[in-house]
Amino acid sequence: MSRTTPATVALAKVGVAFELHPYDYDPDAPRVGLQAAEALGRAPEQVFKTLMALVDDKPVCVVVPSDCEVSMKKLAAVAGGKSARMMKPADAERLTGFKVGGVSPFGQRKVVPTFIDETAILFDRVLINGGRRGLLLELAPDEAAQACAATWADLTA
């Protein structure tokens, strides 16, 4: 597996240090983020999943712990909208350039507002998708937020 992705290129370009963590991706796992955490022997709350949503029909990127669900009400409020909903997988793939299950907040085709759940700051390092199914990146949460110009927020239900 090539370990160079648009996400790793984007991080390298802005000088963010990261470690690669490949794992055996299971497309049939009921919750891919939890499967990734288990495969790498990490706590689910330290492994963050990247989701694409629409707030008032405008795309946003949401990064939350793999063991949590996004509160659409909180997301809409923090993004300054009235309503939020998940983006259809095909639309997320087209917009980001990544396959669902491998979406990263870094190196997306189109830059969109990005929100990271504030619990990430509880850790020295977090794991976030590296732009390919079966590849996580370990990096400092503050550097992750800077790299994708993210806003910290309480996003979980």
C-alpha atoms as a PDB file:
ATOM      1  CA  MET A   1       0.000   0.000   0.000  1.00  0.00           C
ATOM      2  CA  SER A   2       1.331   3.411  -0.934  1.00  0.00           C
ATOM      3  CA  ARG A   3       1.496   5.615   2.119  1.00  0.00           C
ATOM      4  CA  THR A   4       1.454   8.854   0.170  1.00  0.00           C
ATOM      5  CA  THR A   5      -2.004  10.367  -0.043  1.00  0.00           C
ATOM      6  CA  PRO A   6      -3.326  13.890  -0.591  1.00  0.00           C
ATOM      7  CA  ALA A   7      -3.631  14.071   3.218  1.00  0.00           C
ATOM      8  CA  THR A   8       0.012  13.171   3.900  1.00  0.00           C
ATOM      9  CA  VAL A   9       1.175  15.528   1.147  1.00  0.00           C
ATOM     10  CA  ALA A  10      -0.918  18.380   2.608  1.00  0.00           C
ATOM     11  CA  LEU A  11       0.486  17.833   6.107  1.00  0.00           C
ATOM     12  CA  ALA A  12       4.066  17.599   4.868  1.00  0.00           C
ATOM     13  CA  LYS A  13       3.601  20.792   2.867  1.00  0.00           C
ATOM     14  CA  VAL A  14       2.684  22.773   6.012  1.00  0.00           C
ATOM     15  CA  GLY A  15       5.377  21.084   8.110  1.00  0.00           C
ATOM     16  CA  VAL A  16       3.163  19.014  10.407  1.00  0.00           C
ATOM     17  CA  ALA A  17       4.884  15.956  11.859  1.00  0.00           C
ATOM     18  CA  PHE A  18       2.862  12.739  11.828  1.00  0.00           C
ATOM     19  CA  GLU A  19       3.270   8.991  12.146  1.00  0.00           C
ATOM     20  CA  LEU A  20       1.616   6.542   9.769  1.00  0.00           C
ATOM     21  CA  HIS A  21      -0.442   3.696  11.207  1.00  0.00           C
ATOM     22  CA  PRO A  22      -1.641   1.231   8.562  1.00  0.00           C
ATOM     23  CA  TYR A  23      -4.157  -1.396   9.662  1.00  0.00           C
ATOM     24  CA  ASP A  24      -6.351  -4.076   8.100  1.00  0.00           C
ATOM     25  CA  TYR A  25      -9.494  -2.215   7.044  1.00  0.00           C
ATOM     26  CA  ASP A  26     -12.711  -4.215   7.407  1.00  0.00           C
ATOM     27  CA  PRO A  27     -15.402  -2.793   5.086  1.00  0.00           C
ATOM     28  CA  ASP A  28     -17.998  -4.984   6.804  1.00  0.00           C
ATOM     29  CA  ALA A  29     -17.319  -3.648  10.298  1.00  0.00           C
ATOM     30  CA  PRO A  30     -20.478  -2.138  11.810  1.00  0.00           C
ATOM     31  CA  ARG A  31     -18.461   0.918  12.913  1.00  0.00           C
ATOM     32  CA  VAL A  32     -15.251   1.431  10.945  1.00  0.00           C
ATOM     33  CA  GLY A  33     -13.730   3.884  13.457  1.00  0.00           C
ATOM     34  CA  LEU A  34     -14.123   1.407  16.294  1.00  0.00           C
ATOM     35  CA  GLN A  35     -12.661  -1.348  14.143  1.00  0.00           C
ATOM     36  CA  ALA A  36      -9.628   0.864  13.419  1.00  0.00           C
ATOM     37  CA  ALA A  37      -9.122   1.603  17.125  1.00  0.00           C
ATOM     38  CA  GLU A  38      -9.309  -2.091  17.955  1.00  0.00           C
ATOM     39  CA  ALA A  39      -6.954  -3.069  15.114  1.00  0.00           C
ATOM     40  CA  LEU A  40      -4.339  -0.596  16.386  1.00  0.00           C
ATOM     41  CA  GLY A  41      -4.895  -1.301  20.080  1.00  0.00           C
ATOM     42  CA  ARG A  42      -5.891   2.293  20.809  1.00  0.00           C
ATOM     43  CA  ALA A  43      -8.675   3.750  22.925  1.00  0.00           C
ATOM     44  CA  PRO A  44     -11.709   4.578  20.734  1.00  0.00           C
ATOM     45  CA  GLU A  45     -11.864   8.096  22.157  1.00  0.00           C
ATOM     46  CA  GLN A  46      -8.322   8.771  20.844  1.00  0.00           C
ATOM     47  CA  VAL A  47      -9.139   7.603  17.302  1.00  0.00           C
ATOM     48  CA  PHE A  48     -11.151  10.242  15.455  1.00  0.00           C
ATOM     49  CA  LYS A  49     -13.423   9.640  12.493  1.00  0.00           C
ATOM     50  CA  THR A  50     -13.922  12.180   9.718  1.00  0.00           C
ATOM     51  CA  LEU A  51     -17.449  12.756   8.479  1.00  0.00           C
ATOM     52  CA  MET A  52     -18.900  15.053   5.870  1.00  0.00           C
ATOM     53  CA  ALA A  53     -22.146  16.859   6.594  1.00  0.00           C
ATOM     54  CA  LEU A  54     -24.325  19.638   5.264  1.00  0.00           C
ATOM     55  CA  VAL A  55     -25.285  22.654   7.358  1.00  0.00           C
ATOM     56  CA  ASP A  56     -28.082  24.570   5.645  1.00  0.00           C
ATOM     57  CA  ASP A  57     -27.043  22.615   2.515  1.00  0.00           C
ATOM     58  CA  LYS A  58     -23.424  23.848   2.691  1.00  0.00           C
ATOM     59  CA  PRO A  59     -20.675  21.228   3.126  1.00  0.00           C
ATOM     60  CA  VAL A  60     -18.682  20.942   6.340  1.00  0.00           C
ATOM     61  CA  CYS A  61     -16.147  18.458   7.673  1.00  0.00           C
ATOM     62  CA  VAL A  62     -16.619  17.027  11.170  1.00  0.00           C
ATOM     63  CA  VAL A  63     -13.962  15.163  13.167  1.00  0.00           C
ATOM     64  CA  VAL A  64     -15.222  13.307  16.263  1.00  0.00           C
ATOM     65  CA  PRO A  65     -14.105  10.379  18.434  1.00  0.00           C
ATOM     66  CA  SER A  66     -14.785   7.012  16.819  1.00  0.00           C
ATOM     67  CA  ASP A  67     -17.001   5.940  19.717  1.00  0.00           C
ATOM     68  CA  CYS A  68     -19.310   8.984  19.453  1.00  0.00           C
ATOM     69  CA  GLU A  69     -22.110  10.244  17.257  1.00  0.00           C
ATOM     70  CA  VAL A  70     -22.322  13.794  15.920  1.00  0.00           C
ATOM     71  CA  SER A  71     -25.052  15.974  17.400  1.00  0.00           C
ATOM     72  CA  MET A  72     -26.613  17.585  14.341  1.00  0.00           C
ATOM     73  CA  LYS A  73     -28.131  20.281  16.561  1.00  0.00           C
ATOM     74  CA  LYS A  74     -24.727  21.213  18.005  1.00  0.00           C
ATOM     75  CA  LEU A  75     -23.094  21.073  14.563  1.00  0.00           C
ATOM     76  CA  ALA A  76     -25.684  23.395  13.047  1.00  0.00           C
ATOM     77  CA  ALA A  77     -25.283  25.849  15.929  1.00  0.00           C
ATOM     78  CA  VAL A  78     -21.478  25.941  15.831  1.00  0.00           C
ATOM     79  CA  ALA A  79     -21.517  26.340  12.031  1.00  0.00           C
ATOM     80  CA  GLY A  80     -24.000  29.208  12.276  1.00  0.00           C
ATOM     81  CA  GLY A  81     -26.834  27.327  10.602  1.00  0.00           C
ATOM     82  CA  LYS A  82     -30.328  26.160  11.357  1.00  0.00           C
ATOM     83  CA  SER A  83     -30.103  22.489  10.408  1.00  0.00           C
ATOM     84  CA  ALA A  84     -27.493  19.820   9.719  1.00  0.00           C
ATOM     85  CA  ARG A  85     -27.534  16.382   8.144  1.00  0.00           C
ATOM     86  CA  MET A  86     -25.036  13.836   6.947  1.00  0.00           C
ATOM     87  CA  MET A  87     -23.832  14.142   3.373  1.00  0.00           C
ATOM     88  CA  LYS A  88     -24.595  11.267   1.001  1.00  0.00           C
ATOM     89  CA  PRO A  89     -21.527   9.020   0.591  1.00  0.00           C
ATOM     90  CA  ALA A  90     -21.234   9.617  -3.177  1.00  0.00           C
ATOM     91  CA  ASP A  91     -21.364  13.386  -2.629  1.00  0.00           C
ATOM     92  CA  ALA A  92     -18.724  13.165   0.130  1.00  0.00           C
ATOM     93  CA  GLU A  93     -16.417  11.173  -2.151  1.00  0.00           C
ATOM     94  CA  ARG A  94     -16.868  13.597  -5.044  1.00  0.00           C
ATOM     95  CA  LEU A  95     -16.268  16.655  -2.841  1.00  0.00           C
ATOM     96  CA  THR A  96     -13.269  15.337  -0.886  1.00  0.00           C
ATOM     97  CA  GLY A  97     -11.565  13.071  -3.397  1.00  0.00           C
ATOM     98  CA  PHE A  98     -11.456  10.323  -0.755  1.00  0.00           C
ATOM     99  CA  LYS A  99     -13.441   7.084  -0.516  1.00  0.00           C
ATOM    100  CA  VAL A 100     -15.862   6.842   2.411  1.00  0.00           C
ATOM    101  CA  GLY A 101     -13.990   4.990   5.142  1.00  0.00           C
ATOM    102  CA  GLY A 102     -10.844   6.870   4.119  1.00  0.00           C
ATOM    103  CA  VAL A 103     -11.973  10.500   4.295  1.00  0.00           C
ATOM    104  CA  SER A 104      -9.395  12.786   5.877  1.00  0.00           C
ATOM    105  CA  PRO A 105      -9.806  16.426   6.916  1.00  0.00           C
ATOM    106  CA  PHE A 106      -6.410  17.095   5.305  1.00  0.00           C
ATOM    107  CA  GLY A 107      -5.878  17.448   1.556  1.00  0.00           C
ATOM    108  CA  GLN A 108      -9.518  17.460   0.498  1.00  0.00           C
ATOM    109  CA  ARG A 109     -10.244  18.549  -3.084  1.00  0.00           C
ATOM    110  CA  LYS A 110     -12.291  21.492  -1.851  1.00  0.00           C
ATOM    111  CA  VAL A 111     -11.593  23.361   1.361  1.00  0.00           C
ATOM    112  CA  VAL A 112     -14.691  23.449   3.573  1.00  0.00           C
ATOM    113  CA  PRO A 113     -15.240  24.616   7.151  1.00  0.00           C
ATOM    114  CA  THR A 114     -13.891  21.956   9.492  1.00  0.00           C
ATOM    115  CA  PHE A 115     -14.878  21.301  13.101  1.00  0.00           C
ATOM    116  CA  ILE A 116     -12.969  19.060  15.517  1.00  0.00           C
ATOM    117  CA  ASP A 117     -14.536  17.811  18.718  1.00  0.00           C
ATOM    118  CA  GLU A 118     -12.915  19.566  21.659  1.00  0.00           C
ATOM    119  CA  THR A 119     -12.159  16.262  23.429  1.00  0.00           C
ATOM    120  CA  ALA A 120      -9.149  15.878  21.095  1.00  0.00           C
ATOM    121  CA  ILE A 121      -7.243  18.357  23.259  1.00  0.00           C
ATOM    122  CA  LEU A 122      -7.338  15.855  26.131  1.00  0.00           C
ATOM    123  CA  PHE A 123      -4.667  13.830  24.302  1.00  0.00           C
ATOM    124  CA  ASP A 124      -1.046  14.584  23.423  1.00  0.00           C
ATOM    125  CA  ARG A 125      -1.593  12.703  20.144  1.00  0.00           C
ATOM    126  CA  VAL A 126      -4.703  11.639  18.244  1.00  0.00           C
ATOM    127  CA  LEU A 127      -5.257   9.362  15.272  1.00  0.00           C
ATOM    128  CA  ILE A 128      -7.150  10.719  12.266  1.00  0.00           C
ATOM    129  CA  ASN A 129      -7.733   9.149   8.858  1.00  0.00           C
ATOM    130  CA  GLY A 130      -4.819   9.510   6.481  1.00  0.00           C
ATOM    131  CA  GLY A 131      -6.793   9.663   3.256  1.00  0.00           C
ATOM    132  CA  ARG A 132      -7.034   5.963   2.524  1.00  0.00           C
ATOM    133  CA  ARG A 133      -8.987   3.084   3.974  1.00  0.00           C
ATOM    134  CA  GLY A 134      -6.710   1.310   6.416  1.00  0.00           C
ATOM    135  CA  LEU A 135      -4.389   4.258   7.121  1.00  0.00           C
ATOM    136  CA  LEU A 136      -4.468   6.506  10.178  1.00  0.00           C
ATOM    137  CA  LEU A 137      -2.162   9.396  10.987  1.00  0.00           C
ATOM    138  CA  GLU A 138      -1.005  10.090  14.529  1.00  0.00           C
ATOM    139  CA  LEU A 139      -0.357  13.751  15.279  1.00  0.00           C
ATOM    140  CA  ALA A 140      -0.758  16.454  17.895  1.00  0.00           C
ATOM    141  CA  PRO A 141      -4.370  17.711  18.051  1.00  0.00           C
ATOM    142  CA  ASP A 142      -3.406  21.391  17.912  1.00  0.00           C
ATOM    143  CA  GLU A 143      -1.335  20.778  14.783  1.00  0.00           C
ATOM    144  CA  ALA A 144      -4.220  18.837  13.239  1.00  0.00           C
ATOM    145  CA  ALA A 145      -6.552  21.776  13.852  1.00  0.00           C
ATOM    146  CA  GLN A 146      -4.069  24.269  12.414  1.00  0.00           C
ATOM    147  CA  ALA A 147      -3.423  22.129   9.339  1.00  0.00           C
ATOM    148  CA  CYS A 148      -7.089  22.145   8.317  1.00  0.00           C
ATOM    149  CA  ALA A 149      -8.016  25.534   9.846  1.00  0.00           C
ATOM    150  CA  ALA A 150     -10.486  23.769  12.126  1.00  0.00           C
ATOM    151  CA  THR A 151     -12.689  25.191  14.833  1.00  0.00           C
ATOM    152  CA  TRP A 152     -12.808  23.413  18.196  1.00  0.00           C
ATOM    153  CA  ALA A 153     -16.337  22.629  19.358  1.00  0.00           C
ATOM    154  CA  ASP A 154     -18.506  20.347  21.462  1.00  0.00           C
ATOM    155  CA  LEU A 155     -19.946  18.196  18.668  1.00  0.00           C
ATOM    156  CA  THR A 156     -21.055  14.914  20.171  1.00  0.00           C
ATOM    157  CA  ALA A 157     -24.521  13.747  21.074  1.00  0.00           C
END
